[in-house]
C-alpha atoms as a PDB file:
ATOM      1  CA  UNK A   1     -11.552   8.210  36.447  1.00  0.00           C
ATOM      2  CA  UNK A   2     -11.678   7.534  32.569  1.00  0.00           C
ATOM      3  CA  UNK A   3     -12.703   3.978  31.531  1.00  0.00           C
ATOM      4  CA  UNK A   4     -10.354   2.169  29.111  1.00  0.00           C
ATOM      5  CA  UNK A   5     -12.855   3.015  26.030  1.00  0.00           C
ATOM      6  CA  UNK A   6     -13.029   6.468  26.856  1.00  0.00           C
ATOM      7  CA  UNK A   7      -9.011   6.362  26.757  1.00  0.00           C
ATOM      8  CA  UNK A   8      -9.004   4.265  23.442  1.00  0.00           C
ATOM      9  CA  UNK A   9     -11.631   6.690  21.788  1.00  0.00           C
ATOM     10  CA  UNK A  10      -8.894   9.624  22.671  1.00  0.00           C
ATOM     11  CA  UNK A  11      -5.941   7.770  21.253  1.00  0.00           C
ATOM     12  CA  UNK A  12      -7.857   7.250  18.139  1.00  0.00           C
ATOM     13  CA  UNK A  13      -8.770  10.989  18.149  1.00  0.00           C
ATOM     14  CA  UNK A  14      -4.685  12.205  18.834  1.00  0.00           C
ATOM     15  CA  UNK A  15      -3.191   9.369  16.537  1.00  0.00           C
ATOM     16  CA  UNK A  16      -2.655  11.836  13.928  1.00  0.00           C
ATOM     17  CA  UNK A  17      -0.764  14.146  16.025  1.00  0.00           C
ATOM     18  CA  UNK A  18       0.968  11.565  17.849  1.00  0.00           C
ATOM     19  CA  UNK A  19       2.329   8.006  17.762  1.00  0.00           C
ATOM     20  CA  UNK A  20       0.300   5.379  19.168  1.00  0.00           C
ATOM     21  CA  UNK A  21       2.855   4.135  21.404  1.00  0.00           C
ATOM     22  CA  UNK A  22       3.074   7.420  23.392  1.00  0.00           C
ATOM     23  CA  UNK A  23      -0.335   7.587  23.850  1.00  0.00           C
ATOM     24  CA  UNK A  24      -0.667   4.072  25.095  1.00  0.00           C
ATOM     25  CA  UNK A  25       1.895   4.435  27.258  1.00  0.00           C
ATOM     26  CA  UNK A  26       0.219   7.911  28.570  1.00  0.00           C
ATOM     27  CA  UNK A  27      -2.965   6.395  29.125  1.00  0.00           C
ATOM     28  CA  UNK A  28      -1.467   3.409  30.385  1.00  0.00           C
ATOM     29  CA  UNK A  29      -3.035   0.794  27.982  1.00  0.00           C
ATOM     30  CA  UNK A  30      -1.601  -1.488  25.835  1.00  0.00           C
ATOM     31  CA  UNK A  31      -1.202  -0.998  22.503  1.00  0.00           C
ATOM     32  CA  UNK A  32      -2.636  -4.557  21.757  1.00  0.00           C
ATOM     33  CA  UNK A  33      -5.747  -3.675  23.449  1.00  0.00           C
ATOM     34  CA  UNK A  34      -6.126  -0.507  21.608  1.00  0.00           C
ATOM     35  CA  UNK A  35      -5.981  -2.527  18.157  1.00  0.00           C
ATOM     36  CA  UNK A  36      -8.324  -5.034  19.554  1.00  0.00           C
ATOM     37  CA  UNK A  37     -10.615  -2.393  20.379  1.00  0.00           C
ATOM     38  CA  UNK A  38     -10.451  -0.187  17.334  1.00  0.00           C
ATOM     39  CA  UNK A  39     -11.092  -3.584  14.904  1.00  0.00           C
ATOM     40  CA  UNK A  40     -13.815  -5.056  17.249  1.00  0.00           C
ATOM     41  CA  UNK A  41     -16.846  -3.249  16.316  1.00  0.00           C
ATOM     42  CA  UNK A  42     -20.017  -4.616  17.489  1.00  0.00           C
ATOM     43  CA  UNK A  43     -22.468  -2.084  17.575  1.00  0.00           C
ATOM     44  CA  UNK A  44     -26.221  -2.936  16.699  1.00  0.00           C
ATOM     45  CA  UNK A  45     -28.205  -0.390  14.285  1.00  0.00           C
ATOM     46  CA  UNK A  46     -31.474  -0.211  12.459  1.00  0.00           C
ATOM     47  CA  UNK A  47     -31.257  -0.377   8.824  1.00  0.00           C
ATOM     48  CA  UNK A  48     -32.606   3.565   8.533  1.00  0.00           C
ATOM     49  CA  UNK A  49     -29.454   4.401  10.864  1.00  0.00           C
ATOM     50  CA  UNK A  50     -27.217   2.089   8.660  1.00  0.00           C
ATOM     51  CA  UNK A  51     -28.572   4.006   5.536  1.00  0.00           C
ATOM     52  CA  UNK A  52     -28.266   7.415   6.975  1.00  0.00           C
ATOM     53  CA  UNK A  53     -24.333   5.916   8.011  1.00  0.00           C
ATOM     54  CA  UNK A  54     -23.566   4.996   4.531  1.00  0.00           C
ATOM     55  CA  UNK A  55     -25.098   8.175   3.036  1.00  0.00           C
ATOM     56  CA  UNK A  56     -22.918  10.171   5.279  1.00  0.00           C
ATOM     57  CA  UNK A  57     -19.738   8.533   4.417  1.00  0.00           C
ATOM     58  CA  UNK A  58     -20.458   8.409   1.010  1.00  0.00           C
ATOM     59  CA  UNK A  59     -20.738  11.995   0.584  1.00  0.00           C
ATOM     60  CA  UNK A  60     -17.898  12.604   3.376  1.00  0.00           C
ATOM     61  CA  UNK A  61     -15.723  10.723   0.448  1.00  0.00           C
ATOM     62  CA  UNK A  62     -16.626  13.059  -2.025  1.00  0.00           C
ATOM     63  CA  UNK A  63     -18.583  10.468  -3.872  1.00  0.00           C
ATOM     64  CA  UNK A  64     -15.558   8.218  -3.854  1.00  0.00           C
ATOM     65  CA  UNK A  65     -16.302   5.225  -1.888  1.00  0.00           C
ATOM     66  CA  UNK A  66     -17.553   2.061  -2.702  1.00  0.00           C
ATOM     67  CA  UNK A  67     -18.911  -0.794  -0.676  1.00  0.00           C
ATOM     68  CA  UNK A  68     -15.720  -1.950   0.523  1.00  0.00           C
ATOM     69  CA  UNK A  69     -14.298   1.125   1.510  1.00  0.00           C
ATOM     70  CA  UNK A  70     -17.902   2.267   3.530  1.00  0.00           C
ATOM     71  CA  UNK A  71     -17.347  -1.042   5.321  1.00  0.00           C
ATOM     72  CA  UNK A  72     -13.791   0.048   6.524  1.00  0.00           C
ATOM     73  CA  UNK A  73     -15.155   3.395   7.208  1.00  0.00           C
ATOM     74  CA  UNK A  74     -18.188   2.391   9.538  1.00  0.00           C
ATOM     75  CA  UNK A  75     -15.855   0.650  11.450  1.00  0.00           C
ATOM     76  CA  UNK A  76     -13.038   3.363  11.571  1.00  0.00           C
ATOM     77  CA  UNK A  77     -15.581   6.437  12.324  1.00  0.00           C
ATOM     78  CA  UNK A  78     -18.333   4.494  14.177  1.00  0.00           C
ATOM     79  CA  UNK A  79     -17.314   1.251  15.404  1.00  0.00           C
ATOM     80  CA  UNK A  80     -19.784  -0.600  13.265  1.00  0.00           C
ATOM     81  CA  UNK A  81     -19.187  -3.963  11.866  1.00  0.00           C
ATOM     82  CA  UNK A  82     -21.000  -4.686   8.727  1.00  0.00           C
ATOM     83  CA  UNK A  83     -21.001  -7.147   5.922  1.00  0.00           C
ATOM     84  CA  UNK A  84     -20.101  -5.817   2.890  1.00  0.00           C
ATOM     85  CA  UNK A  85     -23.387  -7.808   0.555  1.00  0.00           C
ATOM     86  CA  UNK A  86     -25.541  -5.828   3.062  1.00  0.00           C
ATOM     87  CA  UNK A  87     -23.504  -2.344   2.567  1.00  0.00           C
ATOM     88  CA  UNK A  88     -23.523  -2.915  -1.342  1.00  0.00           C
ATOM     89  CA  UNK A  89     -27.429  -4.014  -1.515  1.00  0.00           C
ATOM     90  CA  UNK A  90     -28.347  -0.633   0.684  1.00  0.00           C
ATOM     91  CA  UNK A  91     -26.038   1.418  -1.585  1.00  0.00           C
ATOM     92  CA  UNK A  92     -28.064   0.182  -4.646  1.00  0.00           C
ATOM     93  CA  UNK A  93     -31.373   0.560  -2.692  1.00  0.00           C
ATOM     94  CA  UNK A  94     -30.545   4.566  -2.223  1.00  0.00           C
ATOM     95  CA  UNK A  95     -28.755   5.047  -5.470  1.00  0.00           C
ATOM     96  CA  UNK A  96     -25.075   5.817  -5.243  1.00  0.00           C
ATOM     97  CA  UNK A  97     -22.007   3.939  -6.251  1.00  0.00           C
ATOM     98  CA  UNK A  98     -18.510   4.573  -6.576  1.00  0.00           C
ATOM     99  CA  UNK A  99     -17.255   6.297  -9.247  1.00  0.00           C
ATOM    100  CA  UNK A 100     -15.321   4.509 -12.253  1.00  0.00           C
ATOM    101  CA  UNK A 101     -11.737   4.964 -13.091  1.00  0.00           C
ATOM    102  CA  UNK A 102     -11.083   6.089 -16.563  1.00  0.00           C
ATOM    103  CA  UNK A 103      -7.570   5.416 -19.143  1.00  0.00           C
ATOM    104  CA  UNK A 104      -5.235   7.924 -18.806  1.00  0.00           C
ATOM    105  CA  UNK A 105      -3.983  10.194 -21.531  1.00  0.00           C
ATOM    106  CA  UNK A 106      -0.697  10.963 -23.260  1.00  0.00           C
ATOM    107  CA  UNK A 107       0.816  14.688 -23.285  1.00  0.00           C
ATOM    108  CA  UNK A 108       3.505  15.482 -25.605  1.00  0.00           C
ATOM    109  CA  UNK A 109       6.772  15.974 -24.400  1.00  0.00           C
ATOM    110  CA  UNK A 110       8.764  18.922 -23.884  1.00  0.00           C
ATOM    111  CA  UNK A 111      12.271  19.717 -25.434  1.00  0.00           C
ATOM    112  CA  UNK A 112      14.444  20.499 -22.280  1.00  0.00           C
ATOM    113  CA  UNK A 113      18.545  20.358 -22.448  1.00  0.00           C
ATOM    114  CA  UNK A 114      19.011  16.359 -22.508  1.00  0.00           C
ATOM    115  CA  UNK A 115      21.872  15.161 -19.552  1.00  0.00           C
ATOM    116  CA  UNK A 116      21.892  11.552 -19.392  1.00  0.00           C
ATOM    117  CA  UNK A 117      19.504   8.621 -18.042  1.00  0.00           C
ATOM    118  CA  UNK A 118      20.130   6.996 -14.782  1.00  0.00           C
ATOM    119  CA  UNK A 119      19.641   3.135 -13.460  1.00  0.00           C
ATOM    120  CA  UNK A 120      16.518   2.037 -12.320  1.00  0.00           C
ATOM    121  CA  UNK A 121      17.361   1.357  -8.736  1.00  0.00           C
ATOM    122  CA  UNK A 122      14.237   1.194  -7.390  1.00  0.00           C
ATOM    123  CA  UNK A 123      13.310  -1.874 -10.051  1.00  0.00           C
ATOM    124  CA  UNK A 124       9.584  -1.694  -8.882  1.00  0.00           C
ATOM    125  CA  UNK A 125      10.239  -2.473  -5.320  1.00  0.00           C
ATOM    126  CA  UNK A 126       7.711   0.192  -4.183  1.00  0.00           C
ATOM    127  CA  UNK A 127       7.893  -0.895  -0.497  1.00  0.00           C
ATOM    128  CA  UNK A 128      10.117   1.470   2.154  1.00  0.00           C
ATOM    129  CA  UNK A 129      10.750   0.559   5.469  1.00  0.00           C
ATOM    130  CA  UNK A 130      10.967   4.304   6.939  1.00  0.00           C
ATOM    131  CA  UNK A 131       9.852   8.004   6.131  1.00  0.00           C
ATOM    132  CA  UNK A 132      11.877   9.867   3.344  1.00  0.00           C
ATOM    133  CA  UNK A 133      13.470   6.548   2.238  1.00  0.00           C
ATOM    134  CA  UNK A 134      11.808   6.244  -1.462  1.00  0.00           C
ATOM    135  CA  UNK A 135      10.089   8.970  -3.426  1.00  0.00           C
ATOM    136  CA  UNK A 136       8.145   8.721  -6.539  1.00  0.00           C
ATOM    137  CA  UNK A 137       7.415  11.805  -9.282  1.00  0.00           C
ATOM    138  CA  UNK A 138       5.937  12.424 -12.202  1.00  0.00           C
ATOM    139  CA  UNK A 139       3.633  14.761 -14.054  1.00  0.00           C
ATOM    140  CA  UNK A 140       0.161  14.227 -15.588  1.00  0.00           C
ATOM    141  CA  UNK A 141      -2.176  16.758 -17.380  1.00  0.00           C
ATOM    142  CA  UNK A 142      -5.384  18.215 -16.951  1.00  0.00           C
ATOM    143  CA  UNK A 143      -8.171  20.266 -18.361  1.00  0.00           C
ATOM    144  CA  UNK A 144      -9.843  23.597 -17.355  1.00  0.00           C
ATOM    145  CA  UNK A 145     -11.889  26.095 -18.964  1.00  0.00           C
ATOM    146  CA  UNK A 146     -14.800  24.089 -20.307  1.00  0.00           C
ATOM    147  CA  UNK A 147     -12.127  21.125 -21.308  1.00  0.00           C
ATOM    148  CA  UNK A 148      -9.952  23.748 -23.727  1.00  0.00           C
ATOM    149  CA  UNK A 149      -7.282  24.664 -21.844  1.00  0.00           C
ATOM    150  CA  UNK A 150      -4.277  22.411 -20.169  1.00  0.00           C
ATOM    151  CA  UNK A 151      -2.894  22.786 -16.695  1.00  0.00           C
ATOM    152  CA  UNK A 152       0.105  20.464 -15.452  1.00  0.00           C
ATOM    153  CA  UNK A 153       0.490  18.830 -11.892  1.00  0.00           C
ATOM    154  CA  UNK A 154       3.518  17.673 -10.758  1.00  0.00           C
ATOM    155  CA  UNK A 155       3.654  15.366  -7.362  1.00  0.00           C
ATOM    156  CA  UNK A 156       6.145  13.435  -5.186  1.00  0.00           C
ATOM    157  CA  UNK A 157       4.706  10.777  -3.414  1.00  0.00           C
ATOM    158  CA  UNK A 158       6.614   8.913  -0.296  1.00  0.00           C
ATOM    159  CA  UNK A 159       6.064   5.121  -0.824  1.00  0.00           C
ATOM    160  CA  UNK A 160       6.347   4.756   3.017  1.00  0.00           C
ATOM    161  CA  UNK A 161       2.957   5.923   3.807  1.00  0.00           C
ATOM    162  CA  UNK A 162       2.357   6.868   0.012  1.00  0.00           C
ATOM    163  CA  UNK A 163       1.695  10.399   0.964  1.00  0.00           C
ATOM    164  CA  UNK A 164       1.911  13.255  -1.248  1.00  0.00           C
ATOM    165  CA  UNK A 165       4.994  15.318  -0.003  1.00  0.00           C
ATOM    166  CA  UNK A 166       5.001  18.203  -2.111  1.00  0.00           C
ATOM    167  CA  UNK A 167       3.085  19.208  -5.576  1.00  0.00           C
ATOM    168  CA  UNK A 168       2.736  22.048  -7.778  1.00  0.00           C
ATOM    169  CA  UNK A 169       0.138  22.815 -10.506  1.00  0.00           C
ATOM    170  CA  UNK A 170       1.086  25.279 -13.420  1.00  0.00           C
ATOM    171  CA  UNK A 171      -0.291  26.454 -16.852  1.00  0.00           C
ATOM    172  CA  UNK A 172       3.038  25.178 -18.634  1.00  0.00           C
ATOM    173  CA  UNK A 173       4.936  22.317 -18.709  1.00  0.00           C
ATOM    174  CA  UNK A 174       8.488  23.975 -18.181  1.00  0.00           C
ATOM    175  CA  UNK A 175      11.081  22.639 -15.862  1.00  0.00           C
ATOM    176  CA  UNK A 176      10.694  25.457 -13.257  1.00  0.00           C
ATOM    177  CA  UNK A 177       7.796  23.966 -11.797  1.00  0.00           C
ATOM    178  CA  UNK A 178       9.189  20.767 -11.243  1.00  0.00           C
ATOM    179  CA  UNK A 179      12.206  21.987  -9.361  1.00  0.00           C
ATOM    180  CA  UNK A 180       9.582  24.170  -7.318  1.00  0.00           C
ATOM    181  CA  UNK A 181       8.017  20.841  -6.672  1.00  0.00           C
ATOM    182  CA  UNK A 182      11.295  19.268  -5.619  1.00  0.00           C
ATOM    183  CA  UNK A 183      12.251  22.444  -3.569  1.00  0.00           C
ATOM    184  CA  UNK A 184       8.982  22.293  -1.837  1.00  0.00           C
ATOM    185  CA  UNK A 185       9.776  18.549  -0.624  1.00  0.00           C
ATOM    186  CA  UNK A 186      13.247  19.296   0.314  1.00  0.00           C
ATOM    187  CA  UNK A 187      12.390  22.103   2.568  1.00  0.00           C
ATOM    188  CA  UNK A 188       9.457  20.220   4.536  1.00  0.00           C
ATOM    189  CA  UNK A 189      11.881  17.168   5.144  1.00  0.00           C
ATOM    190  CA  UNK A 190      15.175  19.132   5.017  1.00  0.00           C
ATOM    191  CA  UNK A 191      16.967  17.330   7.793  1.00  0.00           C
ATOM    192  CA  UNK A 192      16.165  13.870   6.468  1.00  0.00           C
ATOM    193  CA  UNK A 193      16.522  13.162   2.623  1.00  0.00           C
ATOM    194  CA  UNK A 194      20.304  12.588   2.649  1.00  0.00           C
ATOM    195  CA  UNK A 195      20.382   9.637   0.691  1.00  0.00           C
ATOM    196  CA  UNK A 196      16.976   9.192  -0.371  1.00  0.00           C
ATOM    197  CA  UNK A 197      16.069   7.977  -3.795  1.00  0.00           C
ATOM    198  CA  UNK A 198      13.774   9.960  -5.592  1.00  0.00           C
ATOM    199  CA  UNK A 199      12.305   7.739  -8.631  1.00  0.00           C
ATOM    200  CA  UNK A 200      10.843   9.082 -12.053  1.00  0.00           C
ATOM    201  CA  UNK A 201      10.498   8.327 -15.845  1.00  0.00           C
ATOM    202  CA  UNK A 202      12.870   9.243 -18.129  1.00  0.00           C
ATOM    203  CA  UNK A 203      10.834  12.537 -18.825  1.00  0.00           C
ATOM    204  CA  UNK A 204      13.337  15.286 -20.404  1.00  0.00           C
ATOM    205  CA  UNK A 205      12.345  17.052 -17.450  1.00  0.00           C
ATOM    206  CA  UNK A 206      14.151  14.226 -14.936  1.00  0.00           C
ATOM    207  CA  UNK A 207      17.143  14.026 -17.622  1.00  0.00           C
ATOM    208  CA  UNK A 208      17.510  17.536 -17.595  1.00  0.00           C
ATOM    209  CA  UNK A 209      21.360  18.992 -16.304  1.00  0.00           C
ATOM    210  CA  UNK A 210      19.434  21.526 -14.215  1.00  0.00           C
ATOM    211  CA  UNK A 211      17.337  18.859 -12.260  1.00  0.00           C
ATOM    212  CA  UNK A 212      20.038  16.305 -11.703  1.00  0.00           C
ATOM    213  CA  UNK A 213      22.152  18.890 -10.394  1.00  0.00           C
ATOM    214  CA  UNK A 214      19.088  20.134  -7.795  1.00  0.00           C
ATOM    215  CA  UNK A 215      19.009  16.489  -6.550  1.00  0.00           C
ATOM    216  CA  UNK A 216      22.896  16.072  -6.330  1.00  0.00           C
ATOM    217  CA  UNK A 217      22.995  18.901  -4.206  1.00  0.00           C
ATOM    218  CA  UNK A 218      20.869  17.552  -1.496  1.00  0.00           C
ATOM    219  CA  UNK A 219      22.214  14.449  -1.650  1.00  0.00           C
ATOM    220  CA  UNK A 220      19.551  12.518  -3.293  1.00  0.00           C
ATOM    221  CA  UNK A 221      19.786   9.642  -5.270  1.00  0.00           C
ATOM    222  CA  UNK A 222      18.257   9.835  -8.769  1.00  0.00           C
ATOM    223  CA  UNK A 223      16.397   6.530 -10.108  1.00  0.00           C
ATOM    224  CA  UNK A 224      14.579   6.121 -13.877  1.00  0.00           C
ATOM    225  CA  UNK A 225      12.325   4.145 -14.977  1.00  0.00           C
ATOM    226  CA  UNK A 226      13.642   2.162 -18.052  1.00  0.00           C
ATOM    227  CA  UNK A 227      12.095   3.782 -21.189  1.00  0.00           C
ATOM    228  CA  UNK A 228       8.616   3.224 -22.327  1.00  0.00           C
ATOM    229  CA  UNK A 229       8.010   1.148 -19.151  1.00  0.00           C
ATOM    230  CA  UNK A 230       5.108   3.010 -17.257  1.00  0.00           C
ATOM    231  CA  UNK A 231       5.036   0.243 -14.623  1.00  0.00           C
ATOM    232  CA  UNK A 232       8.197   1.190 -13.088  1.00  0.00           C
ATOM    233  CA  UNK A 233       6.592   4.266 -11.697  1.00  0.00           C
ATOM    234  CA  UNK A 234       2.960   2.609 -11.166  1.00  0.00           C
ATOM    235  CA  UNK A 235       2.927   4.204  -7.498  1.00  0.00           C
ATOM    236  CA  UNK A 236       2.936   7.293  -8.519  1.00  0.00           C
ATOM    237  CA  UNK A 237       0.881   7.110 -11.740  1.00  0.00           C
ATOM    238  CA  UNK A 238      -1.576   5.207  -9.077  1.00  0.00           C
ATOM    239  CA  UNK A 239      -2.051   8.166  -7.417  1.00  0.00           C
ATOM    240  CA  UNK A 240      -2.846  10.260 -10.350  1.00  0.00           C
ATOM    241  CA  UNK A 241      -5.495   7.456 -11.610  1.00  0.00           C
ATOM    242  CA  UNK A 242      -7.213   8.350  -8.367  1.00  0.00           C
ATOM    243  CA  UNK A 243      -6.944  11.912  -8.364  1.00  0.00           C
ATOM    244  CA  UNK A 244      -8.442  11.577 -11.508  1.00  0.00           C
ATOM    245  CA  UNK A 245     -11.436   9.343 -11.342  1.00  0.00           C
ATOM    246  CA  UNK A 246     -12.359  10.603  -7.938  1.00  0.00           C
ATOM    247  CA  UNK A 247     -11.995  14.491  -8.712  1.00  0.00           C
ATOM    248  CA  UNK A 248     -11.433  15.588 -11.860  1.00  0.00           C
ATOM    249  CA  UNK A 249     -13.798  13.577 -13.857  1.00  0.00           C
ATOM    250  CA  UNK A 250     -16.573  14.674 -11.483  1.00  0.00           C
ATOM    251  CA  UNK A 251     -16.534  18.119 -12.013  1.00  0.00           C
ATOM    252  CA  UNK A 252     -15.763  20.899 -14.457  1.00  0.00           C
ATOM    253  CA  UNK A 253     -13.605  23.779 -13.523  1.00  0.00           C
ATOM    254  CA  UNK A 254     -13.934  27.229 -15.414  1.00  0.00           C
ATOM    255  CA  UNK A 255     -10.689  28.864 -14.472  1.00  0.00           C
ATOM    256  CA  UNK A 256      -6.928  27.856 -13.580  1.00  0.00           C
ATOM    257  CA  UNK A 257      -7.810  29.094  -9.975  1.00  0.00           C
ATOM    258  CA  UNK A 258     -10.783  26.870  -9.625  1.00  0.00           C
ATOM    259  CA  UNK A 259      -8.948  23.667 -10.715  1.00  0.00           C
ATOM    260  CA  UNK A 260      -5.800  24.577  -8.458  1.00  0.00           C
ATOM    261  CA  UNK A 261      -7.850  25.267  -5.310  1.00  0.00           C
ATOM    262  CA  UNK A 262      -9.880  21.919  -5.911  1.00  0.00           C
ATOM    263  CA  UNK A 263      -6.179  19.726  -6.262  1.00  0.00           C
ATOM    264  CA  UNK A 264      -5.480  21.271  -3.120  1.00  0.00           C
ATOM    265  CA  UNK A 265      -8.301  20.344  -1.265  1.00  0.00           C
ATOM    266  CA  UNK A 266      -8.416  16.608  -2.713  1.00  0.00           C
ATOM    267  CA  UNK A 267      -4.522  16.273  -1.582  1.00  0.00           C
ATOM    268  CA  UNK A 268      -5.174  17.390   1.708  1.00  0.00           C
ATOM    269  CA  UNK A 269      -8.189  14.959   2.135  1.00  0.00           C
ATOM    270  CA  UNK A 270      -6.017  12.117   0.174  1.00  0.00           C
ATOM    271  CA  UNK A 271      -3.298  12.702   3.280  1.00  0.00           C
ATOM    272  CA  UNK A 272      -5.494  13.229   5.871  1.00  0.00           C
ATOM    273  CA  UNK A 273      -8.771  11.644   5.425  1.00  0.00           C
ATOM    274  CA  UNK A 274      -8.867   8.658   2.741  1.00  0.00           C
ATOM    275  CA  UNK A 275      -7.856   5.704   4.681  1.00  0.00           C
ATOM    276  CA  UNK A 276      -5.915   2.663   2.206  1.00  0.00           C
ATOM    277  CA  UNK A 277      -5.961  -0.623   2.330  1.00  0.00           C
ATOM    278  CA  UNK A 278      -2.172  -1.460   2.062  1.00  0.00           C
ATOM    279  CA  UNK A 279      -1.876   1.124   5.092  1.00  0.00           C
ATOM    280  CA  UNK A 280      -3.582  -1.230   7.515  1.00  0.00           C
ATOM    281  CA  UNK A 281      -7.186   1.076   7.069  1.00  0.00           C
ATOM    282  CA  UNK A 282      -4.787   4.218   8.103  1.00  0.00           C
ATOM    283  CA  UNK A 283      -4.610   7.286   6.146  1.00  0.00           C
ATOM    284  CA  UNK A 284      -1.108   8.382   4.980  1.00  0.00           C
ATOM    285  CA  UNK A 285      -0.607  10.718   8.146  1.00  0.00           C
ATOM    286  CA  UNK A 286      -1.850   8.509  10.378  1.00  0.00           C
ATOM    287  CA  UNK A 287       0.621   5.862   9.231  1.00  0.00           C
ATOM    288  CA  UNK A 288       3.513   8.234   9.345  1.00  0.00           C
ATOM    289  CA  UNK A 289       2.399   9.369  12.832  1.00  0.00           C
ATOM    290  CA  UNK A 290       1.873   5.283  14.493  1.00  0.00           C
ATOM    291  CA  UNK A 291       5.351   4.695  12.941  1.00  0.00           C
END
């Protein structure tokens, strides 16, 4: 017979695929009991073992996690609860630290057939009550070829669980790759997007007739930031900041293909492994599965 602790371990492993409620019902245990076990974390461990665990989690996070996130990761991965000050001391001892985010750059706007701006429906209310209620989108640029060539990343983020639901990388800052990003997101969520709010800035891509017609076709409500007010779309800017500090600024890319593959790998990791404070220390996929 499987004991309760083993059941909880199985539920944790399967929670990325099924809801915690369903798994607890099948296992015959309570959700409150599962979450209490998940957050307990009382395991004795030596300093040398703890150093090894910290280094393992640091490398697994692509050298992104600082002492606060390592603290959460120790509890999530190994059930170990450790004071953050002890973790900081050990990280300094073995000479590891998290990456520091840099300031973003600005890029030139491209002239595209202008249509009209839309009301700021989102109005900095970045909280969503369900999947596919609110999305945010934007474009950022990245370098490759020894820093001499530019590529562009278009991404869409679901504000319910901070998941990147679609993205495209392009060598050209044209309208087509922005439309492809929307089409990809729609295709993956085609049965549940009618009435969804998609927020962006007032960039020329988002004010174009073609882009606005595409949203209208799928029943998507368009929302736009006020002109020159980047905080109105801070939710997607935040993701770009993490991507650049945790990935782009730590590496160099000789080719467009290397850059594109690296972004794909990072976004998969971001969605499936990178837990977030705002999601109760769950990953975007875990949070969606538990909803």
